[in-house]
PDB file of N, CA and C in Angstrom:
ATOM      1  N   UNK A   1     169.133 214.713 -75.468  1.00  0.00           N
ATOM      2  CA  UNK A   1     169.073 214.267 -76.835  1.00  0.00           C
ATOM      3  C   UNK A   1     169.064 215.494 -77.745  1.00  0.00           C
ATOM      4  N   UNK A   2     169.987 215.567 -78.664  1.00  0.00           N
ATOM      5  CA  UNK A   2     170.045 216.675 -79.625  1.00  0.00           C
ATOM      6  C   UNK A   2     169.098 216.387 -80.788  1.00  0.00           C
ATOM      7  N   UNK A   3     168.311 217.389 -81.179  1.00  0.00           N
ATOM      8  CA  UNK A   3     167.360 217.247 -82.280  1.00  0.00           C
ATOM      9  C   UNK A   3     167.678 218.233 -83.386  1.00  0.00           C
ATOM     10  N   UNK A   4     167.443 217.801 -84.628  1.00  0.00           N
ATOM     11  CA  UNK A   4     167.596 218.686 -85.789  1.00  0.00           C
ATOM     12  C   UNK A   4     166.222 218.840 -86.436  1.00  0.00           C
ATOM     13  N   UNK A   5     165.766 220.096 -86.610  1.00  0.00           N
ATOM     14  CA  UNK A   5     164.446 220.350 -87.199  1.00  0.00           C
ATOM     15  C   UNK A   5     164.448 219.985 -88.672  1.00  0.00           C
ATOM     16  N   UNK A   6     163.421 219.215 -89.089  1.00  0.00           N
ATOM     17  CA  UNK A   6     163.236 218.875 -90.497  1.00  0.00           C
ATOM     18  C   UNK A   6     162.151 219.729 -91.123  1.00  0.00           C
ATOM     19  N   UNK A   7     161.040 219.926 -90.403  1.00  0.00           N
ATOM     20  CA  UNK A   7     159.948 220.761 -90.918  1.00  0.00           C
ATOM     21  C   UNK A   7     158.999 221.120 -89.782  1.00  0.00           C
ATOM     22  N   UNK A   8     158.159 222.122 -90.044  1.00  0.00           N
ATOM     23  CA  UNK A   8     157.204 222.579 -89.042  1.00  0.00           C
ATOM     24  C   UNK A   8     157.896 223.274 -87.883  1.00  0.00           C
ATOM     25  N   UNK A   9     157.104 224.035 -87.134  1.00  0.00           N
ATOM     26  CA  UNK A   9     157.620 224.737 -85.965  1.00  0.00           C
ATOM     27  C   UNK A   9     156.438 225.124 -85.092  1.00  0.00           C
ATOM     28  N   UNK A  10     156.195 224.368 -84.028  1.00  0.00           N
ATOM     29  CA  UNK A  10     155.039 224.621 -83.155  1.00  0.00           C
ATOM     30  C   UNK A  10     155.127 225.970 -82.452  1.00  0.00           C
ATOM     31  N   UNK A  11     156.306 226.533 -82.358  1.00  0.00           N
ATOM     32  CA  UNK A  11     156.458 227.853 -81.750  1.00  0.00           C
ATOM     33  C   UNK A  11     156.039 228.959 -82.704  1.00  0.00           C
ATOM     34  N   UNK A  12     155.793 228.611 -83.963  1.00  0.00           N
ATOM     35  CA  UNK A  12     155.387 229.596 -84.977  1.00  0.00           C
ATOM     36  C   UNK A  12     154.088 229.189 -85.659  1.00  0.00           C
ATOM     37  N   UNK A  13     153.231 228.470 -84.953  1.00  0.00           N
ATOM     38  CA  UNK A  13     151.915 228.050 -85.459  1.00  0.00           C
ATOM     39  C   UNK A  13     152.000 227.197 -86.714  1.00  0.00           C
ATOM     40  N   UNK A  14     153.044 226.388 -86.856  1.00  0.00           N
ATOM     41  CA  UNK A  14     153.202 225.486 -88.000  1.00  0.00           C
ATOM     42  C   UNK A  14     153.395 224.065 -87.466  1.00  0.00           C
ATOM     43  N   UNK A  15     152.439 223.630 -86.632  1.00  0.00           N
ATOM     44  CA  UNK A  15     152.513 222.304 -86.012  1.00  0.00           C
ATOM     45  C   UNK A  15     152.028 221.231 -86.984  1.00  0.00           C
ATOM     46  N   UNK A  16     152.530 220.036 -86.849  1.00  0.00           N
ATOM     47  CA  UNK A  16     153.520 219.631 -85.863  1.00  0.00           C
ATOM     48  C   UNK A  16     154.923 219.967 -86.317  1.00  0.00           C
ATOM     49  N   UNK A  17     155.851 219.907 -85.383  1.00  0.00           N
ATOM     50  CA  UNK A  17     157.264 220.035 -85.695  1.00  0.00           C
ATOM     51  C   UNK A  17     157.823 218.632 -85.891  1.00  0.00           C
ATOM     52  N   UNK A  18     158.631 218.447 -86.917  1.00  0.00           N
ATOM     53  CA  UNK A  18     159.228 217.141 -87.203  1.00  0.00           C
ATOM     54  C   UNK A  18     160.738 217.286 -87.097  1.00  0.00           C
ATOM     55  N   UNK A  19     161.346 216.412 -86.297  1.00  0.00           N
ATOM     56  CA  UNK A  19     162.776 216.485 -85.994  1.00  0.00           C
ATOM     57  C   UNK A  19     163.416 215.122 -86.201  1.00  0.00           C
ATOM     58  N   UNK A  20     164.726 215.100 -86.369  1.00  0.00           N
ATOM     59  CA  UNK A  20     165.483 213.859 -86.370  1.00  0.00           C
ATOM     60  C   UNK A  20     166.451 213.910 -85.190  1.00  0.00           C
ATOM     61  N   UNK A  21     166.741 212.730 -84.647  1.00  0.00           N
ATOM     62  CA  UNK A  21     167.669 212.652 -83.522  1.00  0.00           C
ATOM     63  C   UNK A  21     168.976 212.031 -84.007  1.00  0.00           C
ATOM     64  N   UNK A  22     169.966 212.049 -83.167  1.00  0.00           N
ATOM     65  CA  UNK A  22     171.268 211.515 -83.522  1.00  0.00           C
ATOM     66  C   UNK A  22     171.269 210.021 -83.820  1.00  0.00           C
ATOM     67  N   UNK A  23     170.255 209.297 -83.333  1.00  0.00           N
ATOM     68  CA  UNK A  23     170.220 207.852 -83.571  1.00  0.00           C
ATOM     69  C   UNK A  23     169.395 207.477 -84.796  1.00  0.00           C
ATOM     70  N   UNK A  24     168.946 208.482 -85.574  1.00  0.00           N
ATOM     71  CA  UNK A  24     168.196 208.216 -86.792  1.00  0.00           C
ATOM     72  C   UNK A  24     166.688 208.146 -86.599  1.00  0.00           C
ATOM     73  N   UNK A  25     166.203 208.360 -85.394  1.00  0.00           N
ATOM     74  CA  UNK A  25     164.761 208.358 -85.138  1.00  0.00           C
ATOM     75  C   UNK A  25     164.143 209.679 -85.579  1.00  0.00           C
ATOM     76  N   UNK A  26     162.836 209.646 -85.870  1.00  0.00           N
ATOM     77  CA  UNK A  26     162.085 210.854 -86.189  1.00  0.00           C
ATOM     78  C   UNK A  26     161.198 211.167 -84.995  1.00  0.00           C
ATOM     79  N   UNK A  27     161.238 212.424 -84.539  1.00  0.00           N
ATOM     80  CA  UNK A  27     160.480 212.884 -83.389  1.00  0.00           C
ATOM     81  C   UNK A  27     159.427 213.879 -83.884  1.00  0.00           C
ATOM     82  N   UNK A  28     158.183 213.739 -83.425  1.00  0.00           N
ATOM     83  CA  UNK A  28     157.100 214.635 -83.830  1.00  0.00           C
ATOM     84  C   UNK A  28     156.569 215.350 -82.593  1.00  0.00           C
ATOM     85  N   UNK A  29     156.461 216.685 -82.672  1.00  0.00           N
ATOM     86  CA  UNK A  29     155.903 217.509 -81.603  1.00  0.00           C
ATOM     87  C   UNK A  29     154.643 218.171 -82.126  1.00  0.00           C
ATOM     88  N   UNK A  30     153.539 218.008 -81.431  1.00  0.00           N
ATOM     89  CA  UNK A  30     152.314 218.650 -81.868  1.00  0.00           C
ATOM     90  C   UNK A  30     151.179 218.367 -80.911  1.00  0.00           C
ATOM     91  N   UNK A  31     150.010 218.961 -81.166  1.00  0.00           N
ATOM     92  CA  UNK A  31     148.865 218.730 -80.292  1.00  0.00           C
ATOM     93  C   UNK A  31     148.373 217.294 -80.416  1.00  0.00           C
ATOM     94  N   UNK A  32     148.010 216.713 -79.283  1.00  0.00           N
ATOM     95  CA  UNK A  32     147.532 215.337 -79.259  1.00  0.00           C
ATOM     96  C   UNK A  32     146.176 215.240 -79.938  1.00  0.00           C
ATOM     97  N   UNK A  33     146.024 214.268 -80.821  1.00  0.00           N
ATOM     98  CA  UNK A  33     144.758 214.012 -81.504  1.00  0.00           C
ATOM     99  C   UNK A  33     143.850 213.248 -80.547  1.00  0.00           C
ATOM    100  N   UNK A  34     142.611 213.694 -80.395  1.00  0.00           N
ATOM    101  CA  UNK A  34     141.723 213.054 -79.424  1.00  0.00           C
ATOM    102  C   UNK A  34     140.658 212.168 -80.065  1.00  0.00           C
ATOM    103  N   UNK A  35     140.307 212.384 -81.325  1.00  0.00           N
ATOM    104  CA  UNK A  35     139.283 211.577 -81.996  1.00  0.00           C
ATOM    105  C   UNK A  35     139.954 210.415 -82.717  1.00  0.00           C
ATOM    106  N   UNK A  36     140.222 209.345 -81.976  1.00  0.00           N
ATOM    107  CA  UNK A  36     140.948 208.201 -82.530  1.00  0.00           C
ATOM    108  C   UNK A  36     140.205 206.897 -82.228  1.00  0.00           C
ATOM    109  N   UNK A  37     138.945 206.822 -82.627  1.00  0.00           N
ATOM    110  CA  UNK A  37     138.113 205.662 -82.317  1.00  0.00           C
ATOM    111  C   UNK A  37     138.662 204.359 -82.897  1.00  0.00           C
ATOM    112  N   UNK A  38     139.339 204.416 -84.031  1.00  0.00           N
ATOM    113  CA  UNK A  38     139.787 203.202 -84.708  1.00  0.00           C
ATOM    114  C   UNK A  38     141.100 202.659 -84.147  1.00  0.00           C
ATOM    115  N   UNK A  39     141.734 203.374 -83.221  1.00  0.00           N
ATOM    116  CA  UNK A  39     143.038 202.957 -82.716  1.00  0.00           C
ATOM    117  C   UNK A  39     142.960 202.498 -81.273  1.00  0.00           C
ATOM    118  N   UNK A  40     143.803 201.545 -80.938  1.00  0.00           N
ATOM    119  CA  UNK A  40     143.961 201.099 -79.563  1.00  0.00           C
ATOM    120  C   UNK A  40     145.364 201.459 -79.128  1.00  0.00           C
ATOM    121  N   UNK A  41     145.505 202.118 -77.984  1.00  0.00           N
ATOM    122  CA  UNK A  41     146.802 202.604 -77.538  1.00  0.00           C
ATOM    123  C   UNK A  41     147.372 201.760 -76.419  1.00  0.00           C
ATOM    124  N   UNK A  42     148.675 201.602 -76.451  1.00  0.00           N
ATOM    125  CA  UNK A  42     149.403 201.038 -75.318  1.00  0.00           C
ATOM    126  C   UNK A  42     149.727 202.194 -74.379  1.00  0.00           C
ATOM    127  N   UNK A  43     150.091 201.887 -73.161  1.00  0.00           N
ATOM    128  CA  UNK A  43     150.413 202.919 -72.186  1.00  0.00           C
ATOM    129  C   UNK A  43     151.506 203.834 -72.713  1.00  0.00           C
ATOM    130  N   UNK A  44     151.293 205.141 -72.608  1.00  0.00           N
ATOM    131  CA  UNK A  44     152.285 206.123 -73.023  1.00  0.00           C
ATOM    132  C   UNK A  44     152.211 206.526 -74.487  1.00  0.00           C
ATOM    133  N   UNK A  45     151.348 205.908 -75.293  1.00  0.00           N
ATOM    134  CA  UNK A  45     151.241 206.251 -76.709  1.00  0.00           C
ATOM    135  C   UNK A  45     150.196 207.341 -76.937  1.00  0.00           C
ATOM    136  N   UNK A  46     150.455 208.192 -77.922  1.00  0.00           N
ATOM    137  CA  UNK A  46     149.498 209.212 -78.358  1.00  0.00           C
ATOM    138  C   UNK A  46     149.580 209.309 -79.876  1.00  0.00           C
ATOM    139  N   UNK A  47     148.636 210.008 -80.482  1.00  0.00           N
ATOM    140  CA  UNK A  47     148.676 210.260 -81.920  1.00  0.00           C
ATOM    141  C   UNK A  47     148.785 211.757 -82.161  1.00  0.00           C
ATOM    142  N   UNK A  48     149.428 212.095 -83.275  1.00  0.00           N
ATOM    143  CA  UNK A  48     149.584 213.477 -83.710  1.00  0.00           C
ATOM    144  C   UNK A  48     149.235 213.523 -85.185  1.00  0.00           C
ATOM    145  N   UNK A  49     148.410 214.483 -85.588  1.00  0.00           N
ATOM    146  CA  UNK A  49     148.063 214.657 -87.002  1.00  0.00           C
ATOM    147  C   UNK A  49     149.205 215.390 -87.705  1.00  0.00           C
ATOM    148  N   UNK A  50     149.643 214.856 -88.859  1.00  0.00           N
ATOM    149  CA  UNK A  50     150.733 215.457 -89.618  1.00  0.00           C
ATOM    150  C   UNK A  50     150.241 215.757 -91.029  1.00  0.00           C
ATOM    151  N   UNK A  51     150.141 217.030 -91.409  1.00  0.00           N
ATOM    152  CA  UNK A  51     149.744 217.367 -92.773  1.00  0.00           C
ATOM    153  C   UNK A  51     150.754 216.796 -93.778  1.00  0.00           C
ATOM    154  N   UNK A  52     150.261 216.334 -94.916  1.00  0.00           N
ATOM    155  CA  UNK A  52     151.117 215.697 -95.922  1.00  0.00           C
ATOM    156  C   UNK A  52     152.274 216.592 -96.349  1.00  0.00           C
ATOM    157  N   UNK A  53     152.045 217.911 -96.447  1.00  0.00           N
ATOM    158  CA  UNK A  53     153.131 218.790 -96.911  1.00  0.00           C
ATOM    159  C   UNK A  53     154.310 218.794 -95.932  1.00  0.00           C
ATOM    160  N   UNK A  54     154.049 218.568 -94.631  1.00  0.00           N
ATOM    161  CA  UNK A  54     155.159 218.517 -93.673  1.00  0.00           C
ATOM    162  C   UNK A  54     155.941 217.210 -93.796  1.00  0.00           C
ATOM    163  N   UNK A  55     155.265 216.120 -94.127  1.00  0.00           N
ATOM    164  CA  UNK A  55     155.954 214.845 -94.375  1.00  0.00           C
ATOM    165  C   UNK A  55     156.856 214.993 -95.598  1.00  0.00           C
ATOM    166  N   UNK A  56     156.323 215.615 -96.659  1.00  0.00           N
ATOM    167  CA  UNK A  56     157.113 215.829 -97.879  1.00  0.00           C
ATOM    168  C   UNK A  56     158.322 216.711 -97.597  1.00  0.00           C
ATOM    169  N   UNK A  57     158.122 217.775 -96.826  1.00  0.00           N
ATOM    170  CA  UNK A  57     159.215 218.680 -96.473  1.00  0.00           C
ATOM    171  C   UNK A  57     160.276 217.953 -95.650  1.00  0.00           C
ATOM    172  N   UNK A  58     159.841 217.126 -94.705  1.00  0.00           N
ATOM    173  CA  UNK A  58     160.788 216.360 -93.874  1.00  0.00           C
ATOM    174  C   UNK A  58     161.561 215.367 -94.744  1.00  0.00           C
ATOM    175  N   UNK A  59     160.881 214.718 -95.686  1.00  0.00           N
ATOM    176  CA  UNK A  59     161.560 213.776 -96.572  1.00  0.00           C
ATOM    177  C   UNK A  59     162.610 214.484 -97.419  1.00  0.00           C
ATOM    178  N   UNK A  60     162.288 215.672 -97.931  1.00  0.00           N
ATOM    179  CA  UNK A  60     163.281 216.440 -98.700  1.00  0.00           C
ATOM    180  C   UNK A  60     164.470 216.804 -97.833  1.00  0.00           C
ATOM    181  N   UNK A  61     164.194 217.189 -96.579  1.00  0.00           N
ATOM    182  CA  UNK A  61     165.281 217.569 -95.660  1.00  0.00           C
ATOM    183  C   UNK A  61     166.198 216.373 -95.380  1.00  0.00           C
ATOM    184  N   UNK A  62     165.638 215.167 -95.444  1.00  0.00           N
ATOM    185  CA  UNK A  62     166.437 213.952 -95.235  1.00  0.00           C
ATOM    186  C   UNK A  62     167.077 213.459 -96.529  1.00  0.00           C
ATOM    187  N   UNK A  63     166.799 214.160 -97.632  1.00  0.00           N
ATOM    188  CA  UNK A  63     167.384 213.790 -98.920  1.00  0.00           C
ATOM    189  C   UNK A  63     166.679 212.618 -99.588  1.00  0.00           C
ATOM    190  N   UNK A  64     165.370 212.494 -99.327  1.00  0.00           N
ATOM    191  CA  UNK A  64     164.603 211.367 -99.910  1.00  0.00           C
ATOM    192  C   UNK A  64     163.535 211.852-100.840  1.00  0.00           C
TER     193      UNK A  64
END
């Protein structure tokens, strides 16, 4: 799967990394959040904390 970086870069201490794939999905790479008492997970699901500025940067990169 080919990914295009929208914002962040975990290889440069700017986690999480936010990417888009060829099918229009958004992919997030970052450290797994462990304090998630309010959430119930299905098998294979995890949470990642995303600072608001990275969401804004990703939205700008998508032209939104």
